[in-house]
Amino acid sequence: MDQSTRKSRPIYDATSRPLIPRHVKLRFDMARDRWVILVPERVLVPDDIAVEVLQLCDGQRRIQDVVDLLAAKYTADPDLILTDCLALLQDLANKGYLLAASEPQP
């Protein structure tokens, strides 16, 4: 697939409003006793921090809002949280598992 036919992915910054698309589900799996991300033909097992970040990705909150909530909850450095959140969310977006709120749902 060349660059002209590849679907572009959002590039996230602190003002982006990420959201989980309809084809991706964040669910608690009773059998595994863990949260999982269900995508077509895949099951991802995120760590506890990733789950907390993803639960806040509703398409309404900006990434900076998520960072502020987590920084207050954990009394942590917002700059470090922002760096980690952007890396996590960008990785998921690059794989097609996360959208920006302004993107159409597939």
Protein backbone atom coordinates (compact mmCIF):
# COMPACT_ATOMS: atom_id res chain seq x y z
CA MET A 1 0.00 0.00 0.00
CA ASP A 2 1.54 3.31 -0.99
CA GLN A 3 1.25 6.58 0.92
CA SER A 4 -1.54 7.93 -1.30
CA THR A 5 -3.96 5.10 -0.46
CA ARG A 6 -3.07 4.69 3.23
CA LYS A 7 -5.63 6.15 5.60
CA SER A 8 -4.09 8.95 7.62
CA ARG A 9 -4.11 8.67 11.39
CA PRO A 10 -4.61 11.56 13.77
CA ILE A 11 -1.55 13.21 15.25
CA TYR A 12 -2.37 13.87 18.88
CA ASP A 13 -1.42 16.85 20.99
CA ALA A 14 -2.71 18.14 24.34
CA THR A 15 -5.79 19.68 22.69
CA SER A 16 -6.89 16.49 20.90
CA ARG A 17 -10.09 14.77 22.02
CA PRO A 18 -9.51 11.03 21.56
CA LEU A 19 -12.31 8.52 21.44
CA ILE A 20 -12.59 4.78 21.11
CA PRO A 21 -14.23 3.91 17.77
CA ARG A 22 -17.25 1.61 17.48
CA HIS A 23 -15.20 -1.35 16.25
CA VAL A 24 -13.00 -1.26 19.39
CA LYS A 25 -14.31 -2.25 22.82
CA LEU A 26 -12.77 -1.67 26.22
CA ARG A 27 -14.28 -4.37 28.44
CA PHE A 28 -13.62 -6.13 31.71
CA ASP A 29 -13.02 -9.81 30.96
CA MET A 30 -14.28 -11.91 33.88
CA ALA A 31 -12.39 -15.02 32.71
CA ARG A 32 -9.06 -13.16 32.67
CA ASP A 33 -10.01 -10.94 35.62
CA ARG A 34 -8.54 -8.05 33.59
CA TRP A 35 -9.56 -5.23 31.34
CA VAL A 36 -9.08 -5.98 27.65
CA ILE A 37 -9.29 -4.06 24.41
CA LEU A 38 -11.24 -6.05 21.84
CA VAL A 39 -10.51 -5.27 18.20
CA PRO A 40 -11.33 -7.39 15.17
CA GLU A 41 -9.34 -10.63 15.45
CA ARG A 42 -7.28 -9.34 18.40
CA VAL A 43 -7.41 -9.02 22.16
CA LEU A 44 -5.07 -6.53 23.79
CA VAL A 45 -4.37 -6.55 27.54
CA PRO A 46 -3.55 -3.00 28.66
CA ASP A 47 -1.95 -2.22 32.00
CA ASP A 48 -3.95 -0.53 34.76
CA ILE A 49 -2.76 2.98 33.91
CA ALA A 50 -3.62 2.55 30.23
CA VAL A 51 -7.11 1.39 31.24
CA GLU A 52 -7.59 4.47 33.38
CA VAL A 53 -6.48 6.75 30.53
CA LEU A 54 -8.71 4.98 27.99
CA GLN A 55 -11.75 5.14 30.26
CA LEU A 56 -11.41 8.93 30.15
CA CYS A 57 -11.19 9.06 26.33
CA ASP A 58 -14.80 9.89 25.54
CA GLY A 59 -14.38 12.34 22.66
CA GLN A 60 -15.36 15.22 24.94
CA ARG A 61 -12.26 15.55 27.10
CA ARG A 62 -9.05 16.94 25.69
CA ILE A 63 -5.89 14.99 26.44
CA GLN A 64 -4.88 17.88 28.69
CA ASP A 65 -8.12 17.38 30.68
CA VAL A 66 -7.24 13.70 31.15
CA VAL A 67 -3.74 14.68 32.25
CA ASP A 68 -5.09 17.21 34.75
CA LEU A 69 -7.45 14.62 36.26
CA LEU A 70 -4.69 12.03 36.59
CA ALA A 71 -2.16 14.54 37.95
CA ALA A 72 -4.61 15.60 40.65
CA LYS A 73 -5.58 12.03 41.49
CA TYR A 74 -2.00 10.75 41.78
CA THR A 75 -0.24 13.99 42.78
CA ALA A 76 2.11 13.50 39.86
CA ASP A 77 4.00 15.70 37.42
CA PRO A 78 1.57 16.74 34.65
CA ASP A 79 4.38 17.04 32.08
CA LEU A 80 5.41 13.43 32.65
CA ILE A 81 1.79 12.26 32.47
CA LEU A 82 1.25 14.23 29.26
CA THR A 83 4.33 12.63 27.66
CA ASP A 84 3.18 9.14 28.65
CA CYS A 85 -0.44 9.74 27.58
CA LEU A 86 0.57 11.09 24.20
CA ALA A 87 2.83 8.09 23.57
CA LEU A 88 0.11 5.61 24.57
CA LEU A 89 -2.69 7.30 22.66
CA GLN A 90 -0.61 7.95 19.54
CA ASP A 91 0.46 4.30 19.43
CA LEU A 92 -3.17 3.16 19.62
CA ALA A 93 -4.23 5.73 17.00
CA ASN A 94 -1.46 4.61 14.65
CA LYS A 95 -2.90 1.08 14.84
CA GLY A 96 -6.42 2.35 14.13
CA TYR A 97 -7.70 1.61 17.66
CA LEU A 98 -8.37 5.25 18.59
CA LEU A 99 -9.79 8.26 16.76
CA ALA A 100 -9.84 12.00 17.22
CA ALA A 101 -13.37 13.22 18.03
CA SER A 102 -13.48 15.15 14.74
CA GLU A 103 -12.85 12.03 12.61
CA PRO A 104 -15.75 10.07 11.11
CA GLN A 105 -16.43 6.65 12.63
CA PRO A 106 -15.55 3.73 10.30
